[in-house]
Amino acid sequence: MTCSRSLSWKSADGKILLNNEEFLIKGINWSGFETDTHVVHGLWGEASNIIDILDFCQLIKVNALRIPISLYLALHPEIIVNVDDCVECGETSLAWDILENLFDLAAERGILILLDMHRLNNLETSEFWIDNEHNELMFISGWVNMLNRFGSKINLMGIDLYNEPHGRSTWGMNAPTDWNTAAERIVQAITTLVPTYREKLIFIEGVSTGQAPHLHSYTDPSFQKFMGQNFDGFVTNPIDFGSPELNDMLVLSPHVYGPSVFVQDYFLDPTFPTNLPQIWDMQIGFLKDITTNAVVVGEWGGTCVGPDTLLYYEWV
């Protein structure tokens, strides 16, 4: 990757395209920057460090990292990381500098980064992209800060606009709580304020169960979804960023988990896990028939024990 002069990303023909060639993502989430440690986890003590972890990722052919951050971090470049949370970072290291170092070390190994606005504060998730302490302008400013600092990194493949809008967040309900119209506003604002943010990707997640015009009855097993998985509203209210160029950056990114995260009724079906492909098709598989944008599962996983073992060995 460091030999390439530029990387041009596009979401088209149902695929992620890199310089007009299909690109298959083998990615993992590496959490930490979104928490009160303000740095990726696992760096406490001397057992591991950033280079060793990235070398391992390269060894197992991981080509992308989804790095969660918080709006709090995005608005406060002066945050210093506690040496107890990152021994290699020293006592005066800024979180943003560590993130930049992570970008550069990952690039040397051909590993891409997707920045994910995971939380507003650094302690808990919010159902909306705003709360009593953060309005939409602050949310936009946070992303502008991140892109002004890291947007030119060759291995920044894109951004995940907001993690798992849920609870009262809606899609296509003609309400102030509609995530789809908020996402359109926010992206238009960000790309106006940072006009150089082009030819990269913008991941948009769905909402949670029941918060969009329903495609199926609530008695249908496919009705129940995980947070970020509900794209039912996309059928009647697709995302439109306002131009073909921006729309080619759109990636739809549902989150799909197993029973260790939450026991959905379909996990209790006697045909589990062979019943899942039909349910997944009804939940998110229909998207391939109504959009040319790529669909990429942004989170999956759980403890690989019990019923989860059946799920992951069969399908993952």
Protein backbone atom coordinates (compact mmCIF):
# COMPACT_ATOMS: atom_id res chain seq x y z
CA MET A 1 0.00 0.00 0.00
CA THR A 2 2.78 2.43 0.72
CA CYS A 3 3.91 2.03 -2.90
CA SER A 4 0.59 3.37 -4.23
CA ARG A 5 0.29 7.03 -5.02
CA SER A 6 -3.46 7.12 -4.39
CA LEU A 7 -6.35 4.88 -3.48
CA SER A 8 -9.72 5.57 -5.03
CA TRP A 9 -12.68 3.96 -3.28
CA LYS A 10 -16.17 3.45 -4.62
CA SER A 11 -19.31 1.57 -3.61
CA ALA A 12 -20.95 0.28 -6.79
CA ASP A 13 -22.31 -2.85 -8.43
CA GLY A 14 -22.90 -4.24 -4.95
CA LYS A 15 -19.17 -4.25 -4.26
CA ILE A 16 -16.42 -2.27 -2.62
CA LEU A 17 -14.16 -1.08 -5.43
CA LEU A 18 -10.55 0.00 -4.98
CA ASN A 19 -9.17 1.71 -8.06
CA ASN A 20 -12.12 0.14 -9.94
CA GLU A 21 -11.22 -3.41 -8.84
CA GLU A 22 -13.29 -5.44 -6.39
CA PHE A 23 -11.81 -5.33 -2.89
CA LEU A 24 -12.68 -7.95 -0.29
CA ILE A 25 -12.47 -6.75 3.29
CA LYS A 26 -11.05 -9.02 5.97
CA GLY A 27 -11.38 -6.73 8.94
CA ILE A 28 -11.54 -6.62 12.70
CA ASN A 29 -12.68 -4.05 15.25
CA TRP A 30 -10.03 -2.75 17.64
CA SER A 31 -11.74 -0.86 20.44
CA GLY A 32 -10.35 1.63 22.95
CA PHE A 33 -10.22 5.15 21.54
CA GLU A 34 -13.95 5.47 22.22
CA THR A 35 -13.52 4.73 25.94
CA ASP A 36 -12.08 6.72 28.84
CA THR A 37 -8.63 5.22 28.09
CA HIS A 38 -8.58 7.16 24.76
CA VAL A 39 -6.33 4.54 23.17
CA VAL A 40 -6.72 1.10 21.64
CA HIS A 41 -7.00 -1.59 24.27
CA GLY A 42 -4.40 -4.24 25.02
CA LEU A 43 -1.41 -1.94 25.42
CA TRP A 44 -1.31 -2.03 29.21
CA GLY A 45 1.65 -3.90 30.62
CA GLU A 46 4.45 -5.28 28.48
CA ALA A 47 2.69 -8.28 26.98
CA SER A 48 1.80 -6.55 23.72
CA ASN A 49 2.31 -3.34 21.79
CA ILE A 50 0.94 -1.71 18.65
CA ILE A 51 3.61 -3.15 16.35
CA ASP A 52 3.21 -6.71 17.64
CA ILE A 53 -0.56 -6.55 17.25
CA LEU A 54 -0.36 -5.10 13.74
CA ASP A 55 2.24 -7.71 12.79
CA PHE A 56 -0.17 -10.41 13.96
CA CYS A 57 -2.99 -8.83 11.93
CA GLN A 58 -0.73 -8.88 8.89
CA LEU A 59 0.20 -12.52 9.57
CA ILE A 60 -3.45 -13.65 9.56
CA LYS A 61 -4.12 -11.49 6.48
CA VAL A 62 -6.34 -8.88 8.12
CA ASN A 63 -6.45 -5.98 5.69
CA ALA A 64 -8.65 -3.48 7.56
CA LEU A 65 -9.23 -2.19 11.08
CA ARG A 66 -12.42 -0.52 12.24
CA ILE A 67 -11.27 1.93 14.91
CA PRO A 68 -14.05 3.25 17.17
CA ILE A 69 -13.68 6.79 18.52
CA SER A 70 -15.86 9.07 20.61
CA LEU A 71 -17.17 12.52 19.77
CA TYR A 72 -15.52 13.65 23.01
CA LEU A 73 -12.13 12.58 21.65
CA ALA A 74 -12.84 14.18 18.27
CA LEU A 75 -13.59 17.50 19.95
CA HIS A 76 -10.61 17.43 22.32
CA PRO A 77 -7.23 17.02 20.57
CA GLU A 78 -5.47 17.92 23.81
CA ILE A 79 -6.37 14.63 25.57
CA ILE A 80 -3.32 12.88 27.06
CA VAL A 81 -3.28 9.09 27.40
CA ASN A 82 -2.52 7.63 30.81
CA VAL A 83 0.74 5.67 30.71
CA ASP A 84 -1.00 2.83 32.59
CA ASP A 85 -3.26 2.34 29.58
CA CYS A 86 -0.41 2.45 27.06
CA VAL A 87 3.02 1.70 28.46
CA GLU A 88 4.76 2.31 25.14
CA CYS A 89 3.12 5.72 24.75
CA GLY A 90 4.93 7.42 27.61
CA GLU A 91 3.51 9.93 30.05
CA THR A 92 2.73 12.89 27.78
CA SER A 93 1.39 11.27 24.62
CA LEU A 94 -1.64 12.85 22.99
CA ALA A 95 -4.39 10.44 21.94
CA TRP A 96 -4.53 12.00 18.48
CA ASP A 97 -0.77 11.47 18.03
CA ILE A 98 -1.12 7.82 18.99
CA LEU A 99 -3.94 7.46 16.47
CA GLU A 100 -1.73 9.02 13.81
CA ASN A 101 1.05 6.60 14.67
CA LEU A 102 -1.44 3.74 14.38
CA PHE A 103 -2.41 4.98 10.90
CA ASP A 104 1.22 5.11 9.79
CA LEU A 105 2.25 1.75 11.24
CA ALA A 106 -0.84 0.11 9.74
CA ALA A 107 -0.08 1.64 6.33
CA GLU A 108 3.41 0.16 6.41
CA ARG A 109 1.76 -3.25 6.69
CA GLY A 110 -0.89 -2.67 4.04
CA ILE A 111 -3.68 -2.39 6.60
CA LEU A 112 -6.57 0.02 6.05
CA ILE A 113 -8.47 1.94 8.72
CA LEU A 114 -12.17 2.76 8.99
CA LEU A 115 -12.88 5.41 11.62
CA ASP A 116 -16.13 4.78 13.50
CA MET A 117 -17.93 7.44 15.58
CA HIS A 118 -18.91 4.93 18.22
CA ARG A 119 -20.09 7.13 21.07
CA LEU A 120 -20.74 10.73 22.00
CA ASN A 121 -19.10 10.66 25.42
CA ASN A 122 -16.41 8.16 26.39
CA LEU A 123 -18.45 6.06 28.80
CA GLU A 124 -21.67 4.86 27.20
CA THR A 125 -23.52 4.64 23.92
CA SER A 126 -26.38 6.96 22.98
CA GLU A 127 -29.49 6.07 21.01
CA PHE A 128 -29.12 9.27 18.99
CA TRP A 129 -26.23 11.06 17.31
CA ILE A 130 -27.05 13.97 19.65
CA ASP A 131 -27.80 14.25 23.35
CA ASN A 132 -28.22 16.93 26.03
CA GLU A 133 -24.54 17.82 25.81
CA HIS A 134 -23.86 17.38 22.08
CA ASN A 135 -25.89 18.87 19.24
CA GLU A 136 -25.68 18.09 15.54
CA LEU A 137 -23.28 20.95 14.84
CA MET A 138 -20.88 19.50 17.41
CA PHE A 139 -21.24 16.09 15.79
CA ILE A 140 -20.33 17.61 12.44
CA SER A 141 -17.42 19.50 13.99
CA GLY A 142 -16.04 16.30 15.47
CA TRP A 143 -15.94 14.64 12.08
CA VAL A 144 -14.47 17.74 10.47
CA ASN A 145 -11.70 17.71 13.09
CA MET A 146 -10.94 14.06 12.39
CA LEU A 147 -10.89 14.49 8.63
CA ASN A 148 -8.77 17.63 8.77
CA ARG A 149 -6.19 15.65 10.74
CA PHE A 150 -6.47 12.16 9.26
CA GLY A 151 -8.46 12.54 6.02
CA SER A 152 -5.36 12.58 3.82
CA LYS A 153 -3.98 9.31 5.23
CA ILE A 154 -3.62 6.94 2.31
CA ASN A 155 -4.96 4.03 4.35
CA LEU A 156 -8.09 5.80 5.59
CA MET A 157 -10.66 3.86 3.59
CA GLY A 158 -13.62 5.70 5.05
CA ILE A 159 -15.76 6.61 8.02
CA ASP A 160 -18.62 4.86 9.81
CA LEU A 161 -20.83 7.86 10.48
CA TYR A 162 -22.44 6.71 13.74
CA ASN A 163 -22.52 3.40 15.54
CA GLU A 164 -25.86 1.65 16.08
CA PRO A 165 -28.51 4.37 16.28
CA HIS A 166 -31.14 2.60 18.34
CA GLY A 167 -33.95 3.05 20.86
CA ARG A 168 -36.04 5.96 19.59
CA SER A 169 -33.88 6.54 16.49
CA THR A 170 -36.07 6.02 13.44
CA TRP A 171 -35.74 5.64 9.68
CA GLY A 172 -38.26 7.01 7.21
CA MET A 173 -40.88 7.97 9.79
CA ASN A 174 -40.96 11.68 8.85
CA ALA A 175 -39.79 12.56 12.34
CA PRO A 176 -36.94 14.61 13.87
CA THR A 177 -35.57 11.29 15.10
CA ASP A 178 -35.05 9.97 11.55
CA TRP A 179 -31.47 8.77 11.23
CA ASN A 180 -31.61 8.57 7.43
CA THR A 181 -32.25 12.29 6.95
CA ALA A 182 -29.79 13.20 9.70
CA ALA A 183 -27.11 11.14 7.95
CA GLU A 184 -27.81 12.99 4.71
CA ARG A 185 -27.52 16.39 6.42
CA ILE A 186 -24.37 15.46 8.29
CA VAL A 187 -22.57 14.04 5.26
CA GLN A 188 -23.47 17.04 3.12
CA ALA A 189 -22.15 19.35 5.83
CA ILE A 190 -18.94 17.36 6.36
CA THR A 191 -18.10 17.12 2.68
CA THR A 192 -18.80 20.84 2.22
CA LEU A 193 -16.49 21.77 5.09
CA VAL A 194 -13.87 19.20 4.06
CA PRO A 195 -14.14 19.23 0.25
CA THR A 196 -11.04 17.06 -0.07
CA TYR A 197 -12.90 14.13 1.46
CA ARG A 198 -13.64 12.35 -1.80
CA GLU A 199 -13.07 8.90 -3.27
CA LYS A 200 -13.35 7.30 0.15
CA LEU A 201 -16.27 5.49 1.78
CA ILE A 202 -19.07 6.46 4.14
CA PHE A 203 -20.61 3.58 6.09
CA ILE A 204 -24.18 4.07 7.28
CA GLU A 205 -25.78 1.70 9.78
CA GLY A 206 -29.44 0.92 10.22
CA VAL A 207 -31.62 1.43 13.29
CA SER A 208 -33.14 -1.09 15.69
CA THR A 209 -36.26 -3.26 15.73
CA GLY A 210 -39.57 -1.60 14.93
CA GLN A 211 -38.20 1.87 14.21
CA ALA A 212 -38.91 1.95 10.46
CA PRO A 213 -41.82 1.12 8.14
CA HIS A 214 -42.12 -2.65 8.56
CA LEU A 215 -41.42 -5.07 5.73
CA HIS A 216 -42.69 -8.01 7.77
CA SER A 217 -45.21 -8.67 10.52
CA TYR A 218 -43.97 -8.48 14.09
CA THR A 219 -44.82 -12.19 14.38
CA ASP A 220 -42.36 -13.05 11.60
CA PRO A 221 -39.00 -14.28 12.99
CA SER A 222 -37.12 -11.82 10.77
CA PHE A 223 -38.87 -8.85 12.40
CA GLN A 224 -36.51 -8.89 15.40
CA LYS A 225 -33.16 -7.28 14.61
CA PHE A 226 -30.01 -6.17 16.35
CA MET A 227 -29.13 -2.51 16.84
CA GLY A 228 -27.88 -1.08 13.56
CA GLN A 229 -29.40 -3.95 11.56
CA ASN A 230 -32.80 -2.53 10.59
CA PHE A 231 -32.76 -1.25 7.00
CA ASP A 232 -36.48 -1.80 6.34
CA GLY A 233 -36.91 1.95 5.89
CA PHE A 234 -34.38 2.01 3.06
CA VAL A 235 -37.00 0.54 0.72
CA THR A 236 -39.12 3.70 0.76
CA ASN A 237 -36.51 6.13 2.05
CA PRO A 238 -33.10 5.36 0.54
CA ILE A 239 -30.09 7.46 1.45
CA ASP A 240 -29.38 10.33 -0.94
CA PHE A 241 -26.31 12.43 -0.17
CA GLY A 242 -27.24 14.89 -2.90
CA SER A 243 -24.92 13.96 -5.75
CA PRO A 244 -23.87 10.85 -7.70
CA GLU A 245 -20.29 11.35 -6.50
CA LEU A 246 -21.27 11.30 -2.84
CA ASN A 247 -23.78 8.50 -3.32
CA ASP A 248 -20.99 6.35 -4.74
CA MET A 249 -19.32 6.60 -1.32
CA LEU A 250 -22.29 5.02 0.50
CA VAL A 251 -21.87 1.60 2.11
CA LEU A 252 -24.77 0.09 4.04
CA SER A 253 -23.43 -1.56 7.17
CA PRO A 254 -25.73 -3.72 9.32
CA HIS A 255 -24.58 -5.36 12.54
CA VAL A 256 -25.38 -9.04 12.92
CA TYR A 257 -24.75 -10.97 16.13
CA GLY A 258 -25.33 -14.36 17.68
CA PRO A 259 -27.18 -15.59 20.78
CA SER A 260 -24.42 -14.66 23.23
CA VAL A 261 -25.23 -10.99 22.56
CA PHE A 262 -29.01 -11.38 22.64
CA VAL A 263 -31.20 -14.46 22.32
CA GLN A 264 -33.51 -13.66 19.44
CA ASP A 265 -36.44 -16.05 18.99
CA TYR A 266 -34.95 -17.45 15.79
CA PHE A 267 -31.93 -18.68 17.74
CA LEU A 268 -34.31 -20.94 19.68
CA ASP A 269 -35.78 -22.51 16.56
CA PRO A 270 -35.07 -26.27 16.40
CA THR A 271 -33.62 -25.80 12.91
CA PHE A 272 -30.97 -23.30 14.16
CA PRO A 273 -28.51 -22.50 12.64
CA THR A 274 -29.73 -23.68 9.23
CA ASN A 275 -32.68 -21.28 9.50
CA LEU A 276 -30.44 -18.22 9.51
CA PRO A 277 -29.77 -17.66 5.79
CA GLN A 278 -33.49 -17.26 5.09
CA ILE A 279 -33.86 -14.88 8.03
CA TRP A 280 -30.79 -12.85 7.02
CA ASP A 281 -32.14 -12.61 3.48
CA MET A 282 -35.38 -11.15 4.81
CA GLN A 283 -33.58 -8.82 7.21
CA ILE A 284 -30.84 -7.43 4.98
CA GLY A 285 -30.42 -9.64 1.89
CA PHE A 286 -33.16 -7.73 0.08
CA LEU A 287 -30.86 -4.70 -0.11
CA LYS A 288 -28.91 -6.21 -3.01
CA ASP A 289 -32.09 -6.07 -5.11
CA ILE A 290 -32.85 -2.38 -4.50
CA THR A 291 -29.44 -0.68 -4.43
CA THR A 292 -26.14 -0.88 -6.27
CA ASN A 293 -24.27 0.22 -3.16
CA ALA A 294 -22.24 -2.34 -1.25
CA VAL A 295 -23.54 -3.98 1.91
CA VAL A 296 -20.84 -4.78 4.50
CA VAL A 297 -21.48 -6.30 7.92
CA GLY A 298 -19.63 -3.94 10.26
CA GLU A 299 -19.88 -5.97 13.47
CA TRP A 300 -20.42 -9.62 14.22
CA GLY A 301 -19.10 -11.89 16.90
CA GLY A 302 -19.60 -13.13 20.39
CA THR A 303 -18.28 -15.81 22.69
CA CYS A 304 -17.51 -18.92 20.65
CA VAL A 305 -19.23 -21.31 23.07
CA GLY A 306 -22.63 -22.98 23.17
CA PRO A 307 -25.09 -21.97 20.43
CA ASP A 308 -22.66 -19.37 19.11
CA THR A 309 -20.28 -22.19 18.20
CA LEU A 310 -22.93 -23.67 15.90
CA LEU A 311 -23.51 -20.29 14.30
CA TYR A 312 -19.89 -19.40 13.65
CA TYR A 313 -18.73 -22.85 12.54
CA GLU A 314 -21.66 -23.12 10.12
CA TRP A 315 -21.68 -19.65 8.60
CA VAL A 316 -18.66 -17.59 9.62
